[in-house]
C-alpha cells in the first residue's frame, strides 16, 4: 500500500499499537477504492487520497489505550496520531489525518469540536469528505472478517451509488454502511444507496 511506502511512521505506529492489522489493511484498501472510483467526491484535493490511506490504517490504534469496551478509541487514535513525531507529514496533514481517524465513528464533525473548528473551511471540507469515505469503508468490515472483496462508488445524476462486491453473505456490512453512510449523505448532492454488486 502506497501510504506504508511513503510514510514509514505508519508501520511504526501499527507495530506499536495495532492488534488487528488485517482489519485496518482491509479498511484502507476499501477506502482507497472509494477514493479512486469516486475521485474523492467533486472538488477534493487529489493528495487527500494518501492522507485517507494513512487515517484508515491508523483509525483503530486507540484501542490499545482504552478499556476493553473500546469506548473513546476514536479520540485516542486521534491523540496518538497527533503526538507522534512525524517527519513525512507536515503539521496540517497530521491534523487532517488525526481528525479523519477521529470521525470514523460516533459524532460527525461539528463546529462545537475545537480541533475541527480551528481548521480553515477548506480543510474542514477535506476532513468531512475523507471521514465520510472512512466511515463507509470501516462499516464494510463491520465484523472484522474481510467479507467484502471490493467496492465502487458511482456518481449518479441525483446522488451516489456504492456497489459492494462479495461472494459471501454481507448483510451485516451493508446494514452498517447504511448507518455509517450518514456523513457521506451530508456531503453528497443527493441520495446515497448501497447495493450488493
Protein backbone atom coordinates (compact mmCIF):
# COMPACT_ATOMS: atom_id res chain seq x y z
CA UNK A 1 0.00 0.00 0.00
CA UNK A 2 1.32 3.40 -1.03
CA UNK A 3 0.82 5.01 2.39
CA UNK A 4 3.11 2.47 4.05
CA UNK A 5 5.84 3.13 1.49
CA UNK A 6 5.58 6.93 1.63
CA UNK A 7 5.09 7.22 5.39
CA UNK A 8 7.32 4.77 7.26
CA UNK A 9 5.99 6.12 10.57
CA UNK A 10 2.68 4.41 9.85
CA UNK A 11 4.37 1.00 10.14
CA UNK A 12 5.91 2.08 13.45
CA UNK A 13 2.53 3.08 14.86
CA UNK A 14 0.89 -0.10 13.58
CA UNK A 15 3.63 -2.21 15.15
CA UNK A 16 3.29 -0.37 18.44
CA UNK A 17 -0.49 -0.22 18.77
CA UNK A 18 -2.48 -2.24 16.23
CA UNK A 19 -3.78 -5.66 17.26
CA UNK A 20 -5.90 -6.34 14.17
CA UNK A 21 -3.75 -5.42 11.17
CA UNK A 22 -5.94 -7.45 8.82
CA UNK A 23 -8.91 -5.20 9.60
CA UNK A 24 -7.16 -1.88 9.11
CA UNK A 25 -5.37 -3.02 5.95
CA UNK A 26 -8.73 -4.12 4.53
CA UNK A 27 -10.44 -0.86 5.55
CA UNK A 28 -7.60 1.13 4.00
CA UNK A 29 -7.95 -0.83 0.75
CA UNK A 30 -11.73 -0.27 0.66
CA UNK A 31 -11.33 3.44 1.45
CA UNK A 32 -8.78 3.74 -1.34
CA UNK A 33 -11.14 2.03 -3.78
CA UNK A 34 -13.86 4.50 -2.84
CA UNK A 35 -11.43 7.38 -3.26
CA UNK A 36 -10.28 6.16 -6.66
CA UNK A 37 -13.67 5.42 -8.14
CA UNK A 38 -15.37 8.41 -6.55
CA UNK A 39 -12.48 10.79 -7.26
CA UNK A 40 -12.72 11.79 -3.58
CA UNK A 41 -16.06 13.40 -4.40
CA UNK A 42 -16.25 16.52 -6.51
CA UNK A 43 -13.59 19.09 -5.75
CA UNK A 44 -11.48 17.02 -3.38
CA UNK A 45 -7.73 17.60 -3.31
CA UNK A 46 -6.07 14.63 -5.11
CA UNK A 47 -3.36 14.49 -2.43
CA UNK A 48 -6.00 13.56 0.12
CA UNK A 49 -6.07 10.01 -1.22
CA UNK A 50 -2.75 9.36 0.55
CA UNK A 51 -3.93 11.08 3.74
CA UNK A 52 -7.08 8.96 3.70
CA UNK A 53 -4.94 5.81 3.46
CA UNK A 54 -2.90 6.89 6.48
CA UNK A 55 -6.03 7.69 8.50
CA UNK A 56 -7.59 4.36 7.54
CA UNK A 57 -4.52 2.42 8.60
CA UNK A 58 -4.40 4.22 11.96
CA UNK A 59 -8.08 4.69 12.74
CA UNK A 60 -8.16 1.94 15.38
CA UNK A 61 -4.81 2.36 17.15
CA UNK A 62 -6.64 3.96 20.07
CA UNK A 63 -7.95 0.52 21.05
CA UNK A 64 -4.53 -0.11 22.61
CA UNK A 65 -5.04 2.56 25.27
CA UNK A 66 -8.75 2.36 26.16
CA UNK A 67 -10.83 -0.06 28.26
CA UNK A 68 -11.79 -3.38 26.65
CA UNK A 69 -15.16 -1.98 25.53
CA UNK A 70 -13.31 0.39 23.18
CA UNK A 71 -15.13 3.46 24.41
CA UNK A 72 -13.39 6.59 23.13
CA UNK A 73 -10.90 4.72 20.98
CA UNK A 74 -11.55 7.06 18.04
CA UNK A 75 -10.49 10.06 20.12
CA UNK A 76 -7.43 8.20 21.42
CA UNK A 77 -6.46 7.28 17.85
CA UNK A 78 -6.50 10.99 17.01
CA UNK A 79 -4.40 11.79 20.08
CA UNK A 80 -1.79 9.13 19.28
CA UNK A 81 -1.54 10.38 15.70
CA UNK A 82 -1.06 13.97 16.88
CA UNK A 83 1.56 13.07 19.48
CA UNK A 84 3.74 11.03 17.14
CA UNK A 85 6.92 12.81 15.87
CA UNK A 86 6.07 12.74 12.17
CA UNK A 87 8.69 13.56 9.56
CA UNK A 88 6.75 12.58 6.43
CA UNK A 89 3.65 14.68 7.21
CA UNK A 90 3.53 18.39 7.92
CA UNK A 91 1.53 19.66 10.93
CA UNK A 92 -1.58 20.44 8.88
CA UNK A 93 -1.53 16.97 7.31
CA UNK A 94 -1.11 15.39 10.75
CA UNK A 95 -4.20 17.24 11.96
CA UNK A 96 -6.20 16.21 8.88
CA UNK A 97 -5.23 12.56 9.40
CA UNK A 98 -5.97 12.74 13.14
CA UNK A 99 -9.42 14.24 12.63
CA UNK A 100 -10.29 11.86 9.80
CA UNK A 101 -9.43 8.95 12.11
CA UNK A 102 -11.33 10.60 14.98
CA UNK A 103 -14.52 10.87 12.91
CA UNK A 104 -14.53 7.25 11.70
CA UNK A 105 -17.25 6.56 14.29
CA UNK A 106 -19.72 8.25 16.61
CA UNK A 107 -20.20 12.03 16.31
CA UNK A 108 -19.92 13.80 12.99
CA UNK A 109 -17.61 16.80 12.54
CA UNK A 110 -19.05 19.82 14.32
CA UNK A 111 -18.16 23.45 14.88
CA UNK A 112 -18.53 22.61 18.60
CA UNK A 113 -15.37 20.46 18.37
CA UNK A 114 -12.41 22.77 18.97
CA UNK A 115 -9.83 20.95 16.86
CA UNK A 116 -12.18 20.77 13.90
CA UNK A 117 -13.38 24.37 14.36
CA UNK A 118 -9.79 25.65 14.21
CA UNK A 119 -9.34 24.29 10.68
CA UNK A 120 -9.87 26.51 7.67
CA UNK A 121 -13.21 25.97 5.89
CA UNK A 122 -11.36 24.22 3.07
CA UNK A 123 -9.61 21.84 5.48
CA UNK A 124 -12.88 21.20 7.30
CA UNK A 125 -14.38 20.12 3.97
CA UNK A 126 -11.38 17.85 3.33
CA UNK A 127 -11.84 16.17 6.72
CA UNK A 128 -15.58 15.69 6.18
CA UNK A 129 -15.06 14.07 2.79
CA UNK A 130 -12.22 11.80 3.89
CA UNK A 131 -14.05 10.83 7.08
CA UNK A 132 -17.21 10.12 5.06
CA UNK A 133 -15.33 7.55 2.97
CA UNK A 134 -13.53 6.09 6.00
CA UNK A 135 -16.82 5.62 7.88
CA UNK A 136 -18.24 3.64 4.96
CA UNK A 137 -15.07 1.58 4.47
CA UNK A 138 -14.96 0.75 8.19
CA UNK A 139 -18.62 -0.25 8.15
CA UNK A 140 -17.95 -2.59 5.22
CA UNK A 141 -15.68 -4.59 7.53
CA UNK A 142 -18.07 -4.30 10.47
CA UNK A 143 -17.38 -7.84 11.69
CA UNK A 144 -13.61 -7.61 11.05
CA UNK A 145 -13.72 -10.70 8.84
CA UNK A 146 -12.99 -9.11 5.45
CA UNK A 147 -16.12 -10.36 3.68
CA UNK A 148 -16.23 -7.52 1.12
CA UNK A 149 -13.98 -8.17 -1.88
CA UNK A 150 -14.13 -4.71 -3.41
CA UNK A 151 -16.26 -1.60 -3.57
CA UNK A 152 -17.02 1.01 -6.23
CA UNK A 153 -18.53 4.46 -5.90
CA UNK A 154 -20.52 5.93 -8.78
CA UNK A 155 -21.75 9.48 -9.13
CA UNK A 156 -25.32 9.48 -10.42
CA UNK A 157 -27.22 12.50 -11.69
CA UNK A 158 -29.04 12.79 -8.37
CA UNK A 159 -26.68 11.20 -5.84
CA UNK A 160 -24.18 8.41 -5.24
CA UNK A 161 -24.33 4.65 -5.60
CA UNK A 162 -21.91 2.35 -3.84
CA UNK A 163 -21.64 -1.16 -5.22
CA UNK A 164 -20.32 -3.69 -2.74
CA UNK A 165 -18.86 -6.83 -4.28
CA UNK A 166 -18.59 -10.10 -2.36
CA UNK A 167 -19.03 -13.81 -2.85
CA UNK A 168 -20.13 -14.13 0.79
CA UNK A 169 -23.17 -13.01 2.75
CA UNK A 170 -22.69 -9.33 3.65
CA UNK A 171 -26.00 -8.28 5.17
CA UNK A 172 -24.35 -7.02 8.37
CA UNK A 173 -21.82 -4.99 6.39
CA UNK A 174 -24.49 -3.40 4.19
CA UNK A 175 -26.59 -2.54 7.24
CA UNK A 176 -23.58 -0.96 8.93
CA UNK A 177 -22.76 1.01 5.78
CA UNK A 178 -26.33 2.34 5.64
CA UNK A 179 -25.91 3.60 9.20
CA UNK A 180 -22.37 4.95 8.85
CA UNK A 181 -23.15 6.48 5.47
CA UNK A 182 -24.59 9.45 7.38
CA UNK A 183 -21.67 11.78 6.71
CA UNK A 184 -21.43 10.72 3.08
CA UNK A 185 -25.11 11.58 2.68
CA UNK A 186 -24.44 15.06 4.06
CA UNK A 187 -21.60 15.54 1.57
CA UNK A 188 -23.50 14.07 -1.37
CA UNK A 189 -25.53 16.15 -3.83
CA UNK A 190 -28.36 13.66 -3.40
CA UNK A 191 -29.29 10.22 -2.04
CA UNK A 192 -26.65 7.60 -1.32
CA UNK A 193 -27.51 3.96 -1.99
CA UNK A 194 -25.63 0.77 -1.20
CA UNK A 195 -26.19 -2.28 -3.37
CA UNK A 196 -24.61 -5.72 -3.48
CA UNK A 197 -22.77 -5.98 -6.78
